[in-house]
PDB file of N, CA and C in Angstrom:
ATOM      1  N   MET A   1       1.778  -3.759  21.562  1.00  0.00           N
ATOM      2  CA  MET A   1       1.639  -4.230  20.189  1.00  0.00           C
ATOM      3  C   MET A   1       2.393  -3.270  19.258  1.00  0.00           C
ATOM      4  N   LYS A   2       3.052  -3.816  18.279  1.00  0.00           N
ATOM      5  CA  LYS A   2       3.828  -3.007  17.330  1.00  0.00           C
ATOM      6  C   LYS A   2       2.938  -2.436  16.239  1.00  0.00           C
ATOM      7  N   ASN A   3       3.446  -1.412  15.584  1.00  0.00           N
ATOM      8  CA  ASN A   3       2.747  -0.851  14.432  1.00  0.00           C
ATOM      9  C   ASN A   3       2.752  -1.861  13.304  1.00  0.00           C
ATOM     10  N   ARG A   4       1.737  -1.775  12.447  1.00  0.00           N
ATOM     11  CA  ARG A   4       1.645  -2.658  11.289  1.00  0.00           C
ATOM     12  C   ARG A   4       1.719  -1.805  10.030  1.00  0.00           C
ATOM     13  N   PHE A   5       2.167  -2.440   8.950  1.00  0.00           N
ATOM     14  CA  PHE A   5       2.326  -1.752   7.675  1.00  0.00           C
ATOM     15  C   PHE A   5       1.479  -2.450   6.620  1.00  0.00           C
ATOM     16  N   TRP A   6       0.907  -1.656   5.730  1.00  0.00           N
ATOM     17  CA  TRP A   6       0.059  -2.147   4.648  1.00  0.00           C
ATOM     18  C   TRP A   6       0.546  -1.543   3.338  1.00  0.00           C
ATOM     19  N   VAL A   7       0.365  -2.273   2.253  1.00  0.00           N
ATOM     20  CA  VAL A   7       0.618  -1.743   0.917  1.00  0.00           C
ATOM     21  C   VAL A   7      -0.737  -1.659   0.239  1.00  0.00           C
ATOM     22  N   LEU A   8      -1.090  -0.483  -0.243  1.00  0.00           N
ATOM     23  CA  LEU A   8      -2.389  -0.335  -0.891  1.00  0.00           C
ATOM     24  C   LEU A   8      -2.267   0.502  -2.145  1.00  0.00           C
ATOM     25  N   GLY A   9      -3.205   0.293  -3.046  1.00  0.00           N
ATOM     26  CA  GLY A   9      -3.195   1.048  -4.293  1.00  0.00           C
ATOM     27  C   GLY A   9      -4.052   0.382  -5.342  1.00  0.00           C
ATOM     28  N   GLY A  10      -3.751   0.683  -6.595  1.00  0.00           N
ATOM     29  CA  GLY A  10      -4.501   0.162  -7.715  1.00  0.00           C
ATOM     30  C   GLY A  10      -4.399   1.127  -8.885  1.00  0.00           C
ATOM     31  N   GLU A  11      -5.378   1.027  -9.786  1.00  0.00           N
ATOM     32  CA  GLU A  11      -5.389   1.901 -10.960  1.00  0.00           C
ATOM     33  C   GLU A  11      -6.275   3.108 -10.689  1.00  0.00           C
ATOM     34  N   TYR A  12      -5.727   4.278 -10.957  1.00  0.00           N
ATOM     35  CA  TYR A  12      -6.436   5.531 -10.704  1.00  0.00           C
ATOM     36  C   TYR A  12      -7.070   6.074 -11.978  1.00  0.00           C
ATOM     37  N   THR A  13      -8.077   6.933 -11.794  1.00  0.00           N
ATOM     38  CA  THR A  13      -8.811   7.495 -12.933  1.00  0.00           C
ATOM     39  C   THR A  13      -7.992   8.530 -13.698  1.00  0.00           C
ATOM     40  N   SER A  14      -6.984   9.121 -13.036  1.00  0.00           N
ATOM     41  CA  SER A  14      -6.150  10.132 -13.697  1.00  0.00           C
ATOM     42  C   SER A  14      -4.773  10.149 -13.047  1.00  0.00           C
ATOM     43  N   LEU A  15      -3.889  10.943 -13.620  1.00  0.00           N
ATOM     44  CA  LEU A  15      -2.545  11.074 -13.057  1.00  0.00           C
ATOM     45  C   LEU A  15      -2.505  11.990 -11.839  1.00  0.00           C
ATOM     46  N   GLN A  16      -3.653  12.468 -11.405  1.00  0.00           N
ATOM     47  CA  GLN A  16      -3.749  13.215 -10.142  1.00  0.00           C
ATOM     48  C   GLN A  16      -3.761  12.253  -8.952  1.00  0.00           C
ATOM     49  N   PHE A  17      -4.020  10.969  -9.200  1.00  0.00           N
ATOM     50  CA  PHE A  17      -4.018   9.900  -8.191  1.00  0.00           C
ATOM     51  C   PHE A  17      -4.932  10.225  -7.010  1.00  0.00           C
ATOM     52  N   GLU A  18      -6.153  10.655  -7.334  1.00  0.00           N
ATOM     53  CA  GLU A  18      -7.112  11.002  -6.288  1.00  0.00           C
ATOM     54  C   GLU A  18      -8.213   9.964  -6.135  1.00  0.00           C
ATOM     55  N   GLU A  19      -8.553   9.241  -7.215  1.00  0.00           N
ATOM     56  CA  GLU A  19      -9.684   8.308  -7.169  1.00  0.00           C
ATOM     57  C   GLU A  19      -9.320   7.001  -7.877  1.00  0.00           C
ATOM     58  N   LEU A  20      -9.484   5.894  -7.143  1.00  0.00           N
ATOM     59  CA  LEU A  20      -9.229   4.578  -7.721  1.00  0.00           C
ATOM     60  C   LEU A  20     -10.390   4.147  -8.610  1.00  0.00           C
ATOM     61  N   ILE A  21     -10.079   3.420  -9.654  1.00  0.00           N
ATOM     62  CA  ILE A  21     -11.116   2.818 -10.491  1.00  0.00           C
ATOM     63  C   ILE A  21     -11.688   1.637  -9.726  1.00  0.00           C
ATOM     64  N   ASP A  22     -13.018   1.592  -9.605  1.00  0.00           N
ATOM     65  CA  ASP A  22     -13.674   0.500  -8.879  1.00  0.00           C
ATOM     66  C   ASP A  22     -13.218  -0.856  -9.395  1.00  0.00           C
ATOM     67  N   GLY A  23     -12.913  -1.731  -8.448  1.00  0.00           N
ATOM     68  CA  GLY A  23     -12.513  -3.088  -8.797  1.00  0.00           C
ATOM     69  C   GLY A  23     -11.011  -3.264  -8.971  1.00  0.00           C
ATOM     70  N   THR A  24     -10.254  -2.170  -8.983  1.00  0.00           N
ATOM     71  CA  THR A  24      -8.799  -2.292  -9.160  1.00  0.00           C
ATOM     72  C   THR A  24      -8.043  -2.135  -7.841  1.00  0.00           C
ATOM     73  N   GLU A  25      -8.759  -1.748  -6.775  1.00  0.00           N
ATOM     74  CA  GLU A  25      -8.082  -1.511  -5.514  1.00  0.00           C
ATOM     75  C   GLU A  25      -7.509  -2.811  -4.941  1.00  0.00           C
ATOM     76  N   ARG A  26      -6.304  -2.692  -4.383  1.00  0.00           N
ATOM     77  CA  ARG A  26      -5.607  -3.848  -3.818  1.00  0.00           C
ATOM     78  C   ARG A  26      -5.040  -3.472  -2.454  1.00  0.00           C
ATOM     79  N   LEU A  27      -5.072  -4.439  -1.534  1.00  0.00           N
ATOM     80  CA  LEU A  27      -4.544  -4.250  -0.192  1.00  0.00           C
ATOM     81  C   LEU A  27      -3.706  -5.468   0.161  1.00  0.00           C
ATOM     82  N   PHE A  28      -2.465  -5.235   0.594  1.00  0.00           N
ATOM     83  CA  PHE A  28      -1.550  -6.304   0.966  1.00  0.00           C
ATOM     84  C   PHE A  28      -1.081  -6.057   2.387  1.00  0.00           C
ATOM     85  N   GLY A  29      -1.035  -7.090   3.185  1.00  0.00           N
ATOM     86  CA  GLY A  29      -0.576  -6.972   4.559  1.00  0.00           C
ATOM     87  C   GLY A  29      -1.559  -7.606   5.507  1.00  0.00           C
ATOM     88  N   PRO A  30      -1.365  -7.428   6.766  1.00  0.00           N
ATOM     89  CA  PRO A  30      -0.411  -6.535   7.403  1.00  0.00           C
ATOM     90  C   PRO A  30       0.993  -7.133   7.458  1.00  0.00           C
ATOM     91  N   TYR A  31       1.970  -6.230   7.503  1.00  0.00           N
ATOM     92  CA  TYR A  31       3.367  -6.594   7.684  1.00  0.00           C
ATOM     93  C   TYR A  31       3.814  -6.026   9.025  1.00  0.00           C
ATOM     94  N   LEU A  32       4.601  -6.782   9.758  1.00  0.00           N
ATOM     95  CA  LEU A  32       5.049  -6.339  11.073  1.00  0.00           C
ATOM     96  C   LEU A  32       6.261  -5.412  10.988  1.00  0.00           C
ATOM     97  N   GLY A  33       6.899  -5.369   9.821  1.00  0.00           N
ATOM     98  CA  GLY A  33       8.040  -4.480   9.636  1.00  0.00           C
ATOM     99  C   GLY A  33       7.943  -3.726   8.322  1.00  0.00           C
ATOM    100  N   ARG A  34       8.500  -2.540   8.304  1.00  0.00           N
ATOM    101  CA  ARG A  34       8.464  -1.728   7.088  1.00  0.00           C
ATOM    102  C   ARG A  34       9.237  -2.385   5.949  1.00  0.00           C
ATOM    103  N   LYS A  35      10.306  -3.100   6.277  1.00  0.00           N
ATOM    104  CA  LYS A  35      11.132  -3.737   5.256  1.00  0.00           C
ATOM    105  C   LYS A  35      10.320  -4.720   4.408  1.00  0.00           C
ATOM    106  N   GLU A  36       9.484  -5.515   5.061  1.00  0.00           N
ATOM    107  CA  GLU A  36       8.638  -6.480   4.341  1.00  0.00           C
ATOM    108  C   GLU A  36       7.633  -5.758   3.447  1.00  0.00           C
ATOM    109  N   ALA A  37       7.067  -4.671   3.967  1.00  0.00           N
ATOM    110  CA  ALA A  37       6.109  -3.892   3.172  1.00  0.00           C
ATOM    111  C   ALA A  37       6.813  -3.270   1.965  1.00  0.00           C
ATOM    112  N   GLU A  38       8.038  -2.779   2.155  1.00  0.00           N
ATOM    113  CA  GLU A  38       8.793  -2.192   1.051  1.00  0.00           C
ATOM    114  C   GLU A  38       9.103  -3.217  -0.030  1.00  0.00           C
ATOM    115  N   GLN A  39       9.373  -4.443   0.373  1.00  0.00           N
ATOM    116  CA  GLN A  39       9.643  -5.487  -0.610  1.00  0.00           C
ATOM    117  C   GLN A  39       8.416  -5.731  -1.486  1.00  0.00           C
ATOM    118  N   THR A  40       7.247  -5.820  -0.881  1.00  0.00           N
ATOM    119  CA  THR A  40       6.009  -5.994  -1.646  1.00  0.00           C
ATOM    120  C   THR A  40       5.760  -4.782  -2.530  1.00  0.00           C
ATOM    121  N   TRP A  41       5.952  -3.579  -1.979  1.00  0.00           N
ATOM    122  CA  TRP A  41       5.748  -2.352  -2.746  1.00  0.00           C
ATOM    123  C   TRP A  41       6.648  -2.322  -3.978  1.00  0.00           C
ATOM    124  N   ARG A  42       7.928  -2.694  -3.811  1.00  0.00           N
ATOM    125  CA  ARG A  42       8.868  -2.703  -4.936  1.00  0.00           C
ATOM    126  C   ARG A  42       8.442  -3.701  -6.014  1.00  0.00           C
ATOM    127  N   GLU A  43       8.045  -4.886  -5.590  1.00  0.00           N
ATOM    128  CA  GLU A  43       7.607  -5.904  -6.548  1.00  0.00           C
ATOM    129  C   GLU A  43       6.383  -5.430  -7.335  1.00  0.00           C
ATOM    130  N   LEU A  44       5.408  -4.874  -6.634  1.00  0.00           N
ATOM    131  CA  LEU A  44       4.198  -4.382  -7.302  1.00  0.00           C
ATOM    132  C   LEU A  44       4.514  -3.207  -8.227  1.00  0.00           C
ATOM    133  N   SER A  45       5.357  -2.301  -7.775  1.00  0.00           N
ATOM    134  CA  SER A  45       5.710  -1.132  -8.583  1.00  0.00           C
ATOM    135  C   SER A  45       6.433  -1.548  -9.859  1.00  0.00           C
ATOM    136  N   GLU A  46       7.336  -2.508  -9.751  1.00  0.00           N
ATOM    137  CA  GLU A  46       8.045  -3.008 -10.942  1.00  0.00           C
ATOM    138  C   GLU A  46       7.088  -3.700 -11.905  1.00  0.00           C
ATOM    139  N   ARG A  47       6.198  -4.514 -11.361  1.00  0.00           N
ATOM    140  CA  ARG A  47       5.251  -5.262 -12.194  1.00  0.00           C
ATOM    141  C   ARG A  47       4.335  -4.323 -12.980  1.00  0.00           C
ATOM    142  N   HIS A  48       3.983  -3.203 -12.386  1.00  0.00           N
ATOM    143  CA  HIS A  48       3.029  -2.274 -13.013  1.00  0.00           C
ATOM    144  C   HIS A  48       3.707  -1.035 -13.587  1.00  0.00           C
ATOM    145  N   ARG A  49       5.010  -1.062 -13.723  1.00  0.00           N
ATOM    146  CA  ARG A  49       5.765   0.098 -14.210  1.00  0.00           C
ATOM    147  C   ARG A  49       5.234   0.655 -15.536  1.00  0.00           C
ATOM    148  N   PRO A  50       4.857  -0.177 -16.533  1.00  0.00           N
ATOM    149  CA  PRO A  50       4.370   0.375 -17.811  1.00  0.00           C
ATOM    150  C   PRO A  50       2.997   1.052 -17.715  1.00  0.00           C
ATOM    151  N   GLU A  51       2.302   0.868 -16.594  1.00  0.00           N
ATOM    152  CA  GLU A  51       0.952   1.418 -16.436  1.00  0.00           C
ATOM    153  C   GLU A  51       1.033   2.709 -15.615  1.00  0.00           C
ATOM    154  N   CYS A  52       0.972   3.838 -16.296  1.00  0.00           N
ATOM    155  CA  CYS A  52       1.210   5.124 -15.626  1.00  0.00           C
ATOM    156  C   CYS A  52       0.119   5.499 -14.624  1.00  0.00           C
ATOM    157  N   ASN A  53      -1.060   4.909 -14.705  1.00  0.00           N
ATOM    158  CA  ASN A  53      -2.144   5.250 -13.780  1.00  0.00           C
ATOM    159  C   ASN A  53      -2.197   4.323 -12.563  1.00  0.00           C
ATOM    160  N   VAL A  54      -1.233   3.419 -12.421  1.00  0.00           N
ATOM    161  CA  VAL A  54      -1.216   2.489 -11.294  1.00  0.00           C
ATOM    162  C   VAL A  54      -0.179   2.966 -10.289  1.00  0.00           C
ATOM    163  N   ARG A  55      -0.592   3.011  -9.034  1.00  0.00           N
ATOM    164  CA  ARG A  55       0.311   3.465  -7.969  1.00  0.00           C
ATOM    165  C   ARG A  55       0.006   2.686  -6.692  1.00  0.00           C
ATOM    166  N   PHE A  56       1.061   2.383  -5.951  1.00  0.00           N
ATOM    167  CA  PHE A  56       0.936   1.728  -4.651  1.00  0.00           C
ATOM    168  C   PHE A  56       1.679   2.542  -3.615  1.00  0.00           C
ATOM    169  N   SER A  57       1.197   2.500  -2.385  1.00  0.00           N
ATOM    170  CA  SER A  57       1.804   3.242  -1.281  1.00  0.00           C
ATOM    171  C   SER A  57       1.896   2.347  -0.054  1.00  0.00           C
ATOM    172  N   ILE A  58       2.813   2.709   0.834  1.00  0.00           N
ATOM    173  CA  ILE A  58       2.935   2.025   2.119  1.00  0.00           C
ATOM    174  C   ILE A  58       2.278   2.904   3.174  1.00  0.00           C
ATOM    175  N   VAL A  59       1.426   2.292   3.980  1.00  0.00           N
ATOM    176  CA  VAL A  59       0.730   3.016   5.041  1.00  0.00           C
ATOM    177  C   VAL A  59       1.058   2.341   6.367  1.00  0.00           C
ATOM    178  N   GLU A  60       1.378   3.153   7.354  1.00  0.00           N
ATOM    179  CA  GLU A  60       1.668   2.631   8.686  1.00  0.00           C
ATOM    180  C   GLU A  60       0.435   2.769   9.572  1.00  0.00           C
ATOM    181  N   GLU A  61       0.036   1.661  10.169  1.00  0.00           N
ATOM    182  CA  GLU A  61      -1.079   1.649  11.121  1.00  0.00           C
ATOM    183  C   GLU A  61      -0.474   1.684  12.516  1.00  0.00           C
ATOM    184  N   ARG A  62      -0.671   2.768  13.192  1.00  0.00           N
ATOM    185  CA  ARG A  62      -0.115   2.899  14.533  1.00  0.00           C
ATOM    186  C   ARG A  62      -1.071   2.302  15.553  1.00  0.00           C
ATOM    187  N   THR A  63      -0.519   1.545  16.461  1.00  0.00           N
ATOM    188  CA  THR A  63      -1.341   0.925  17.497  1.00  0.00           C
ATOM    189  C   THR A  63      -1.008   1.557  18.833  1.00  0.00           C
ATOM    190  N   LEU A  64      -1.990   1.642  19.662  1.00  0.00           N
ATOM    191  CA  LEU A  64      -1.819   2.223  20.995  1.00  0.00           C
ATOM    192  C   LEU A  64      -1.719   1.098  22.019  1.00  0.00           C
ATOM    193  N   ALA A  65      -0.773   1.197  22.886  1.00  0.00           N
ATOM    194  CA  ALA A  65      -0.637   0.206  23.958  1.00  0.00           C
ATOM    195  C   ALA A  65      -1.617   0.588  25.058  1.00  0.00           C
ATOM    196  N   LEU A  66      -2.359  -0.384  25.531  1.00  0.00           N
ATOM    197  CA  LEU A  66      -3.284  -0.146  26.629  1.00  0.00           C
ATOM    198  C   LEU A  66      -2.538  -0.285  27.947  1.00  0.00           C
ATOM    199  N   VAL A  67      -2.663   0.698  28.791  1.00  0.00           N
ATOM    200  CA  VAL A  67      -2.022   0.665  30.094  1.00  0.00           C
ATOM    201  C   VAL A  67      -3.021   0.131  31.090  1.00  0.00           C
ATOM    202  N   GLN A  68      -2.587  -0.886  31.813  1.00  0.00           N
ATOM    203  CA  GLN A  68      -3.503  -1.484  32.807  1.00  0.00           C
ATOM    204  C   GLN A  68      -2.967  -1.341  34.195  1.00  0.00           C
TER     205      GLN A  68
END
């Protein structure tokens, strides 16, 4: 099985980007390729550009192949 990619983020309580404001968290995916995740990340980042406390990141979920 291949690794999967997720886009996650939302509005944070401060510019330290340590704690999300409840109810603003968003999760998009899974995406089978990083390119698709980057496209979503770019769209979200552009849409929320005027909001300095909003940030999104791409996270890779690594999967382990089971050997039988």
